[in-house]
N, C-alpha and C. Protein backbone atom coordinates (compact mmCIF):
# COMPACT_ATOMS: atom_id res chain seq x y z
N MET A 1 5.80 7.58 -18.74
CA MET A 1 6.36 7.01 -17.55
C MET A 1 7.52 5.96 -18.04
N LEU A 2 7.06 5.12 -19.17
CA LEU A 2 8.02 4.03 -19.73
C LEU A 2 9.17 4.75 -20.38
N LYS A 3 9.20 5.83 -21.02
CA LYS A 3 10.29 6.58 -21.70
C LYS A 3 11.22 6.95 -20.56
N ILE A 4 10.59 7.60 -19.56
CA ILE A 4 11.44 8.00 -18.45
C ILE A 4 12.17 6.96 -17.76
N LEU A 5 11.49 5.64 -17.50
CA LEU A 5 12.26 4.53 -16.80
C LEU A 5 13.10 4.05 -17.82
N ASP A 6 13.09 4.10 -19.01
CA ASP A 6 14.05 3.48 -20.15
C ASP A 6 15.18 4.39 -20.15
N ASP A 7 14.99 5.72 -20.06
CA ASP A 7 16.18 6.62 -20.13
C ASP A 7 17.05 6.86 -18.94
N LEU A 8 16.49 6.34 -17.86
CA LEU A 8 17.30 6.37 -16.57
C LEU A 8 18.55 5.25 -16.50
N PRO A 9 19.75 5.66 -16.10
CA PRO A 9 20.68 4.75 -15.82
C PRO A 9 20.24 3.75 -14.85
N VAL A 10 20.71 2.55 -14.92
CA VAL A 10 20.42 1.50 -13.94
C VAL A 10 20.43 1.91 -12.53
N ALA A 11 21.38 2.65 -12.17
CA ALA A 11 21.73 3.06 -10.78
C ALA A 11 20.71 3.96 -10.26
N ARG A 12 20.01 4.63 -11.12
CA ARG A 12 19.01 5.76 -10.90
C ARG A 12 17.50 5.14 -11.01
N GLN A 13 17.34 3.90 -11.50
CA GLN A 13 15.89 3.50 -11.65
C GLN A 13 15.32 3.27 -10.26
N PRO A 14 14.05 3.47 -10.32
CA PRO A 14 13.23 3.11 -8.93
C PRO A 14 13.20 1.64 -8.46
N ALA A 15 13.19 1.55 -7.07
CA ALA A 15 13.00 0.27 -6.59
C ALA A 15 11.62 -0.26 -6.85
N LEU A 16 10.84 0.66 -6.95
CA LEU A 16 9.31 0.39 -7.24
C LEU A 16 8.53 1.59 -7.83
N VAL A 17 7.68 1.03 -8.91
CA VAL A 17 6.82 2.07 -9.59
C VAL A 17 5.51 1.80 -9.04
N ARG A 18 4.94 2.99 -8.68
CA ARG A 18 3.50 3.00 -8.08
C ARG A 18 2.56 3.75 -8.99
N GLY A 19 1.24 3.13 -9.34
CA GLY A 19 0.39 3.61 -10.19
C GLY A 19 -1.05 3.64 -9.41
N ASP A 20 -1.88 4.69 -9.79
CA ASP A 20 -3.24 4.64 -9.26
C ASP A 20 -4.11 3.57 -9.95
N CYS A 21 -5.24 3.43 -9.26
CA CYS A 21 -6.29 2.46 -9.94
C CYS A 21 -6.56 2.79 -11.42
N ALA A 22 -6.71 4.11 -11.64
CA ALA A 22 -7.05 4.33 -13.23
C ALA A 22 -6.02 3.95 -14.11
N LEU A 23 -4.61 3.65 -13.61
CA LEU A 23 -3.58 3.25 -14.67
C LEU A 23 -3.43 1.58 -14.58
N GLY A 24 -4.25 1.03 -13.60
CA GLY A 24 -4.02 -0.50 -13.53
C GLY A 24 -4.72 -1.27 -14.44
N ASN A 25 -4.27 -1.12 -15.85
CA ASN A 25 -4.82 -1.90 -16.98
C ASN A 25 -3.71 -2.67 -17.46
N ASP A 26 -4.11 -3.86 -18.18
CA ASP A 26 -3.16 -4.56 -18.74
C ASP A 26 -1.86 -4.21 -19.44
N PRO A 27 -2.20 -3.12 -20.48
CA PRO A 27 -0.94 -2.79 -21.24
C PRO A 27 0.00 -1.78 -20.41
N LEU A 28 -0.50 -1.15 -19.30
CA LEU A 28 0.26 -0.33 -18.51
C LEU A 28 1.05 -1.23 -17.59
N MET A 29 0.48 -2.30 -17.08
CA MET A 29 1.07 -3.21 -16.00
C MET A 29 2.00 -4.31 -16.71
N SER A 30 1.84 -4.53 -17.98
CA SER A 30 2.73 -5.48 -18.71
C SER A 30 3.98 -4.90 -19.09
N ALA A 31 4.05 -3.43 -19.27
CA ALA A 31 5.20 -2.93 -19.61
C ALA A 31 6.38 -2.89 -18.40
N PRO A 32 5.92 -2.55 -17.25
CA PRO A 32 6.97 -2.88 -16.38
C PRO A 32 7.46 -4.31 -16.00
N GLU A 33 6.43 -5.28 -16.13
CA GLU A 33 6.65 -6.67 -16.10
C GLU A 33 7.77 -7.04 -16.98
N GLU A 34 7.59 -6.64 -18.33
CA GLU A 34 8.71 -6.89 -19.48
C GLU A 34 9.83 -6.30 -19.16
N ARG A 35 10.09 -5.30 -18.33
CA ARG A 35 11.33 -4.78 -17.96
C ARG A 35 11.88 -5.29 -16.62
N LEU A 36 11.09 -6.24 -16.00
CA LEU A 36 11.45 -6.81 -14.72
C LEU A 36 11.61 -5.69 -13.62
N GLN A 37 10.63 -4.71 -13.84
CA GLN A 37 10.67 -3.57 -12.99
C GLN A 37 9.39 -3.76 -12.00
N PRO A 38 9.80 -4.03 -10.59
CA PRO A 38 8.76 -4.22 -9.65
C PRO A 38 7.82 -2.99 -9.83
N TYR A 39 6.52 -3.31 -9.36
CA TYR A 39 5.50 -2.12 -9.62
C TYR A 39 4.25 -2.55 -8.46
N LEU A 40 3.56 -1.43 -8.27
CA LEU A 40 2.45 -1.70 -7.32
C LEU A 40 1.30 -0.62 -7.93
N PHE A 41 0.32 -1.27 -8.28
CA PHE A 41 -0.94 -0.45 -8.65
C PHE A 41 -2.14 -0.62 -7.76
N LYS A 42 -2.83 0.35 -7.55
CA LYS A 42 -3.91 0.25 -6.45
C LYS A 42 -4.89 -0.31 -7.42
N LEU A 43 -5.78 -1.27 -6.92
CA LEU A 43 -6.97 -1.65 -7.63
C LEU A 43 -8.20 -1.06 -7.29
N LYS A 44 -9.22 -0.95 -8.24
CA LYS A 44 -10.38 -0.47 -7.89
C LYS A 44 -11.17 -1.65 -7.17
N LEU A 45 -11.70 -1.48 -5.86
CA LEU A 45 -12.35 -2.45 -5.23
C LEU A 45 -13.73 -3.08 -5.60
N SER A 46 -13.75 -3.60 -6.72
CA SER A 46 -15.02 -4.16 -7.17
C SER A 46 -15.22 -5.27 -6.43
N LYS A 47 -16.55 -5.80 -6.67
CA LYS A 47 -16.99 -7.06 -5.92
C LYS A 47 -16.06 -8.16 -6.02
N ASN A 48 -15.62 -8.56 -7.34
CA ASN A 48 -14.75 -9.55 -7.68
C ASN A 48 -13.32 -9.42 -6.85
N VAL A 49 -12.86 -8.10 -6.74
CA VAL A 49 -11.65 -8.07 -6.18
C VAL A 49 -11.77 -8.22 -4.74
N LYS A 50 -12.73 -7.74 -4.09
CA LYS A 50 -13.08 -7.82 -2.69
C LYS A 50 -13.12 -9.41 -2.40
N ARG A 51 -13.85 -10.01 -3.31
CA ARG A 51 -13.88 -11.54 -3.11
C ARG A 51 -12.59 -12.23 -3.01
N HIS A 52 -11.72 -11.92 -3.97
CA HIS A 52 -10.35 -12.50 -4.13
C HIS A 52 -9.45 -12.22 -2.99
N ILE A 53 -9.75 -10.93 -2.47
CA ILE A 53 -8.89 -10.41 -1.14
C ILE A 53 -9.47 -11.39 0.02
N GLY A 54 -10.69 -11.42 0.10
CA GLY A 54 -11.16 -12.24 1.21
C GLY A 54 -10.71 -13.74 1.21
N ARG A 55 -10.75 -14.17 0.06
CA ARG A 55 -10.03 -15.58 0.01
C ARG A 55 -8.64 -15.62 0.52
N LEU A 56 -7.82 -14.71 0.10
CA LEU A 56 -6.40 -14.67 0.33
C LEU A 56 -6.34 -14.57 1.93
N PHE A 57 -7.15 -13.89 2.65
CA PHE A 57 -7.03 -13.78 4.10
C PHE A 57 -7.17 -14.95 4.79
N ARG A 58 -7.84 -15.88 4.14
CA ARG A 58 -8.09 -17.26 4.71
C ARG A 58 -7.06 -18.43 4.16
N GLU A 59 -6.09 -17.86 3.60
CA GLU A 59 -5.09 -18.88 3.02
C GLU A 59 -3.71 -18.63 3.82
N ASN A 60 -2.82 -19.72 3.82
CA ASN A 60 -1.61 -19.54 4.42
C ASN A 60 -0.52 -19.01 3.29
N GLY A 61 0.76 -18.74 3.64
CA GLY A 61 1.64 -18.23 2.60
C GLY A 61 2.03 -16.87 2.91
N TRP A 62 1.40 -16.09 3.68
CA TRP A 62 1.78 -14.75 3.96
C TRP A 62 3.15 -14.55 4.40
N GLY A 63 3.91 -13.63 4.09
CA GLY A 63 5.20 -13.47 4.49
C GLY A 63 5.66 -11.94 4.82
N ASP A 64 6.67 -11.97 5.53
CA ASP A 64 7.08 -10.46 6.06
C ASP A 64 7.16 -9.42 4.98
N ALA A 65 6.65 -8.29 5.05
CA ALA A 65 6.82 -7.34 3.97
C ALA A 65 7.41 -6.05 4.47
N GLY A 66 7.86 -6.17 5.90
CA GLY A 66 8.67 -5.19 6.43
C GLY A 66 7.87 -4.12 7.30
N GLN A 67 8.44 -3.46 8.04
CA GLN A 67 7.73 -2.55 9.00
C GLN A 67 6.60 -3.04 9.68
N GLY A 68 6.43 -4.29 10.01
CA GLY A 68 5.37 -4.91 10.73
C GLY A 68 4.25 -5.44 9.80
N TRP A 69 4.47 -5.26 8.53
CA TRP A 69 3.31 -5.78 7.68
C TRP A 69 3.67 -7.07 7.08
N GLU A 70 2.60 -7.84 6.69
CA GLU A 70 2.69 -9.07 5.91
C GLU A 70 2.04 -8.94 4.52
N GLY A 71 2.57 -9.72 3.69
CA GLY A 71 2.11 -9.54 2.23
C GLY A 71 2.04 -10.92 1.53
N ARG A 72 1.45 -10.97 0.51
CA ARG A 72 1.21 -12.30 -0.26
C ARG A 72 1.03 -11.93 -1.71
N ASP A 73 1.80 -12.59 -2.62
CA ASP A 73 1.48 -12.58 -4.04
C ASP A 73 0.43 -13.28 -4.47
N SER A 74 -0.31 -12.56 -5.49
CA SER A 74 -1.48 -13.43 -6.04
C SER A 74 -1.71 -12.81 -7.38
N ALA A 75 -2.62 -13.38 -8.05
CA ALA A 75 -2.87 -13.08 -9.68
C ALA A 75 -4.37 -13.10 -9.69
N LEU A 76 -4.95 -11.92 -10.40
CA LEU A 76 -6.36 -11.85 -10.73
C LEU A 76 -6.58 -11.28 -12.00
N ALA A 77 -7.25 -11.98 -12.80
CA ALA A 77 -7.66 -11.52 -14.02
C ALA A 77 -8.73 -10.41 -14.06
N LEU A 78 -8.47 -9.27 -14.50
CA LEU A 78 -9.43 -8.28 -14.46
C LEU A 78 -10.20 -8.10 -15.85
N THR A 79 -11.39 -7.75 -15.60
CA THR A 79 -12.14 -7.53 -16.91
C THR A 79 -12.72 -6.05 -17.00
N GLY A 80 -13.16 -5.56 -18.09
CA GLY A 80 -13.68 -4.24 -18.17
C GLY A 80 -12.78 -3.25 -18.52
C-alpha cells in the first residue's frame, strides 16, 4: 500500500486511506501519519475501546463530519 501511495502523483493521491481492523497496528498506522496522509482504520471493539468510545459520547467537542454526521478526534494507546 505504501509503495503505491508513494508512487502516485500528488494530484492522484487519495483523500483518505481506509484499512480494516486487521491492519490497525502501529507500524501501518504510523506510515500514513509520517506522510501526512489522512487515514481511517476500523478498530476491533475490545472492552477498552468500547469504554473509550463511551467516554467520548459524554464529552463536548463533537463537530460536523458532513452528511448529517458528527465526529470527534481522539487518541487511544492500543496494546496486544
